Amino acid sequence: MEKKLLDKLVCPKSKSSLIYNQDNQELLCPVCKLAYPIQDDIPVLLIDEARKLSGDELKQLPTDQINHDK
């Protein structure tokens, strides 16, 4: 995914920046603790299509970007 595009995308729920996970082809929102799929190089930024991040996945994210209240 192009950095230029990634810089413009935000989480539809929290409006926060997303982290690109190239291995899983997902965009991660550390604030909402959701992972949005990328299908055929197109980000699917629908809350209903997102999956909840596991505890192990959250541990791998930068700690300054995680909202522990949600």
N, C-alpha and C. Protein backbone atom coordinates (compact mmCIF):
# COMPACT_ATOMS: atom_id res chain seq x y z
N MET A 1 0.84 -1.17 0.00
CA MET A 1 0.00 0.00 0.00
C MET A 1 0.89 1.24 0.00
N GLU A 2 0.52 2.19 -0.80
CA GLU A 2 1.32 3.41 -0.92
C GLU A 2 1.23 4.25 0.34
N LYS A 3 2.36 4.77 0.77
CA LYS A 3 2.42 5.60 1.97
C LYS A 3 1.54 6.84 1.82
N LYS A 4 1.49 7.39 0.63
CA LYS A 4 0.69 8.59 0.38
C LYS A 4 -0.79 8.31 0.68
N LEU A 5 -1.26 7.14 0.27
CA LEU A 5 -2.66 6.78 0.53
C LEU A 5 -2.85 6.49 2.02
N LEU A 6 -1.95 5.75 2.60
CA LEU A 6 -2.05 5.39 4.01
C LEU A 6 -2.10 6.63 4.90
N ASP A 7 -1.35 7.65 4.56
CA ASP A 7 -1.33 8.88 5.34
C ASP A 7 -2.68 9.59 5.35
N LYS A 8 -3.51 9.33 4.35
CA LYS A 8 -4.81 10.00 4.25
C LYS A 8 -5.95 9.19 4.87
N LEU A 9 -5.73 7.90 5.07
CA LEU A 9 -6.78 7.05 5.61
C LEU A 9 -6.85 7.14 7.12
N VAL A 10 -8.07 7.14 7.64
CA VAL A 10 -8.29 7.14 9.08
C VAL A 10 -9.36 6.11 9.41
N CYS A 11 -9.39 5.72 10.66
CA CYS A 11 -10.40 4.78 11.13
C CYS A 11 -11.77 5.45 11.04
N PRO A 12 -12.77 4.77 10.48
CA PRO A 12 -14.09 5.39 10.37
C PRO A 12 -14.79 5.56 11.73
N LYS A 13 -14.34 4.81 12.73
CA LYS A 13 -14.96 4.90 14.05
C LYS A 13 -14.31 5.98 14.92
N SER A 14 -12.98 5.95 15.02
CA SER A 14 -12.27 6.88 15.92
C SER A 14 -11.65 8.08 15.21
N LYS A 15 -11.55 7.99 13.90
CA LYS A 15 -10.89 9.03 13.09
C LYS A 15 -9.39 9.13 13.36
N SER A 16 -8.81 8.09 13.95
CA SER A 16 -7.38 8.08 14.24
C SER A 16 -6.61 7.43 13.09
N SER A 17 -5.31 7.61 13.10
CA SER A 17 -4.44 7.04 12.07
C SER A 17 -4.46 5.52 12.14
N LEU A 18 -4.18 4.90 11.02
CA LEU A 18 -4.15 3.45 10.92
C LEU A 18 -2.73 2.96 10.70
N ILE A 19 -2.48 1.74 11.14
CA ILE A 19 -1.18 1.10 10.97
C ILE A 19 -1.34 0.00 9.93
N TYR A 20 -0.47 0.02 8.93
CA TYR A 20 -0.53 -0.98 7.85
C TYR A 20 0.18 -2.25 8.27
N ASN A 21 -0.54 -3.36 8.24
CA ASN A 21 0.04 -4.67 8.51
C ASN A 21 0.15 -5.39 7.17
N GLN A 22 1.33 -5.36 6.60
CA GLN A 22 1.55 -5.91 5.27
C GLN A 22 1.38 -7.43 5.25
N ASP A 23 1.82 -8.12 6.30
CA ASP A 23 1.73 -9.58 6.34
C ASP A 23 0.30 -10.08 6.25
N ASN A 24 -0.62 -9.42 6.96
CA ASN A 24 -2.02 -9.84 6.98
C ASN A 24 -2.91 -9.04 6.03
N GLN A 25 -2.32 -8.07 5.35
CA GLN A 25 -3.08 -7.19 4.47
C GLN A 25 -4.27 -6.59 5.21
N GLU A 26 -3.94 -5.85 6.29
CA GLU A 26 -4.95 -5.20 7.11
C GLU A 26 -4.47 -3.82 7.53
N LEU A 27 -5.42 -2.98 7.88
CA LEU A 27 -5.15 -1.69 8.48
C LEU A 27 -5.62 -1.77 9.93
N LEU A 28 -4.72 -1.48 10.86
CA LEU A 28 -5.00 -1.64 12.27
C LEU A 28 -5.28 -0.30 12.94
N CYS A 29 -6.33 -0.28 13.75
CA CYS A 29 -6.63 0.90 14.55
C CYS A 29 -6.34 0.57 16.00
N PRO A 30 -5.25 1.12 16.56
CA PRO A 30 -4.92 0.84 17.95
C PRO A 30 -5.90 1.47 18.93
N VAL A 31 -6.61 2.50 18.53
CA VAL A 31 -7.56 3.17 19.41
C VAL A 31 -8.81 2.30 19.60
N CYS A 32 -9.37 1.83 18.50
CA CYS A 32 -10.58 1.00 18.55
C CYS A 32 -10.28 -0.49 18.73
N LYS A 33 -9.00 -0.84 18.53
CA LYS A 33 -8.56 -2.23 18.60
C LYS A 33 -9.26 -3.08 17.54
N LEU A 34 -9.31 -2.51 16.32
CA LEU A 34 -9.92 -3.19 15.18
C LEU A 34 -8.92 -3.33 14.04
N ALA A 35 -9.15 -4.37 13.21
CA ALA A 35 -8.34 -4.60 12.02
C ALA A 35 -9.27 -4.58 10.81
N TYR A 36 -8.99 -3.68 9.89
CA TYR A 36 -9.78 -3.55 8.67
C TYR A 36 -9.08 -4.29 7.53
N PRO A 37 -9.80 -5.15 6.81
CA PRO A 37 -9.16 -5.93 5.74
C PRO A 37 -8.84 -5.07 4.51
N ILE A 38 -7.85 -5.54 3.77
CA ILE A 38 -7.53 -4.97 2.46
C ILE A 38 -7.79 -6.09 1.46
N GLN A 39 -8.72 -5.87 0.55
CA GLN A 39 -9.09 -6.89 -0.42
C GLN A 39 -8.83 -6.36 -1.83
N ASP A 40 -8.03 -7.11 -2.59
CA ASP A 40 -7.68 -6.69 -3.95
C ASP A 40 -7.09 -5.28 -3.97
N ASP A 41 -6.21 -5.00 -3.00
CA ASP A 41 -5.54 -3.70 -2.86
C ASP A 41 -6.48 -2.55 -2.51
N ILE A 42 -7.69 -2.88 -2.03
CA ILE A 42 -8.66 -1.85 -1.65
C ILE A 42 -8.97 -1.98 -0.16
N PRO A 43 -8.70 -0.95 0.64
CA PRO A 43 -9.04 -1.00 2.06
C PRO A 43 -10.55 -1.03 2.24
N VAL A 44 -11.02 -1.96 3.05
CA VAL A 44 -12.45 -2.07 3.36
C VAL A 44 -12.65 -1.44 4.74
N LEU A 45 -12.95 -0.17 4.75
CA LEU A 45 -13.05 0.58 6.00
C LEU A 45 -14.50 0.64 6.49
N LEU A 46 -15.06 -0.53 6.68
CA LEU A 46 -16.41 -0.67 7.22
C LEU A 46 -16.30 -1.30 8.59
N ILE A 47 -16.89 -0.67 9.58
CA ILE A 47 -16.79 -1.16 10.95
C ILE A 47 -17.33 -2.59 11.05
N ASP A 48 -18.40 -2.89 10.34
CA ASP A 48 -18.99 -4.23 10.37
C ASP A 48 -18.09 -5.29 9.76
N GLU A 49 -17.16 -4.90 8.92
CA GLU A 49 -16.24 -5.84 8.27
C GLU A 49 -14.93 -6.00 9.05
N ALA A 50 -14.71 -5.16 10.04
CA ALA A 50 -13.47 -5.20 10.82
C ALA A 50 -13.54 -6.34 11.83
N ARG A 51 -12.35 -6.81 12.19
CA ARG A 51 -12.29 -7.82 13.25
C ARG A 51 -11.58 -7.21 14.45
N LYS A 52 -11.89 -7.75 15.62
CA LYS A 52 -11.27 -7.26 16.85
C LYS A 52 -9.86 -7.81 16.97
N LEU A 53 -8.91 -6.96 17.34
CA LEU A 53 -7.53 -7.38 17.52
C LEU A 53 -7.39 -8.22 18.78
N SER A 54 -6.59 -9.25 18.70
CA SER A 54 -6.34 -10.12 19.87
C SER A 54 -5.37 -9.43 20.83
N GLY A 55 -5.29 -9.94 22.03
CA GLY A 55 -4.36 -9.41 23.02
C GLY A 55 -2.92 -9.47 22.55
N ASP A 56 -2.55 -10.57 21.89
CA ASP A 56 -1.18 -10.70 21.37
C ASP A 56 -0.90 -9.66 20.29
N GLU A 57 -1.88 -9.41 19.44
CA GLU A 57 -1.69 -8.40 18.39
C GLU A 57 -1.54 -7.01 19.00
N LEU A 58 -2.32 -6.72 20.03
CA LEU A 58 -2.23 -5.41 20.68
C LEU A 58 -0.87 -5.20 21.32
N LYS A 59 -0.29 -6.27 21.86
CA LYS A 59 1.03 -6.17 22.49
C LYS A 59 2.11 -5.78 21.48
N GLN A 60 1.90 -6.08 20.21
CA GLN A 60 2.89 -5.79 19.17
C GLN A 60 2.77 -4.37 18.62
N LEU A 61 1.69 -3.68 18.96
CA LEU A 61 1.49 -2.31 18.47
C LEU A 61 2.27 -1.33 19.33
N PRO A 62 2.59 -0.17 18.77
CA PRO A 62 3.27 0.87 19.56
C PRO A 62 2.38 1.26 20.76
N THR A 63 2.92 1.19 21.97
CA THR A 63 2.12 1.41 23.18
C THR A 63 1.55 2.82 23.28
N ASP A 64 2.17 3.79 22.66
CA ASP A 64 1.66 5.16 22.75
C ASP A 64 0.41 5.36 21.89
N GLN A 65 0.05 4.37 21.08
CA GLN A 65 -1.12 4.51 20.22
C GLN A 65 -2.31 3.69 20.68
N ILE A 66 -2.19 2.97 21.79
CA ILE A 66 -3.26 2.10 22.24
C ILE A 66 -4.08 2.81 23.30
N ASN A 67 -5.40 2.79 23.12
CA ASN A 67 -6.31 3.35 24.10
C ASN A 67 -6.80 2.18 24.96
N HIS A 68 -6.34 2.09 26.19
CA HIS A 68 -6.69 0.98 27.05
C HIS A 68 -8.09 1.09 27.64
N ASP A 69 -8.77 2.19 27.41
CA ASP A 69 -10.12 2.38 27.96
C ASP A 69 -11.20 1.75 27.10
N LYS A 70 -10.90 1.41 25.88
CA LYS A 70 -11.93 0.86 24.97
C LYS A 70 -11.94 -0.64 25.01
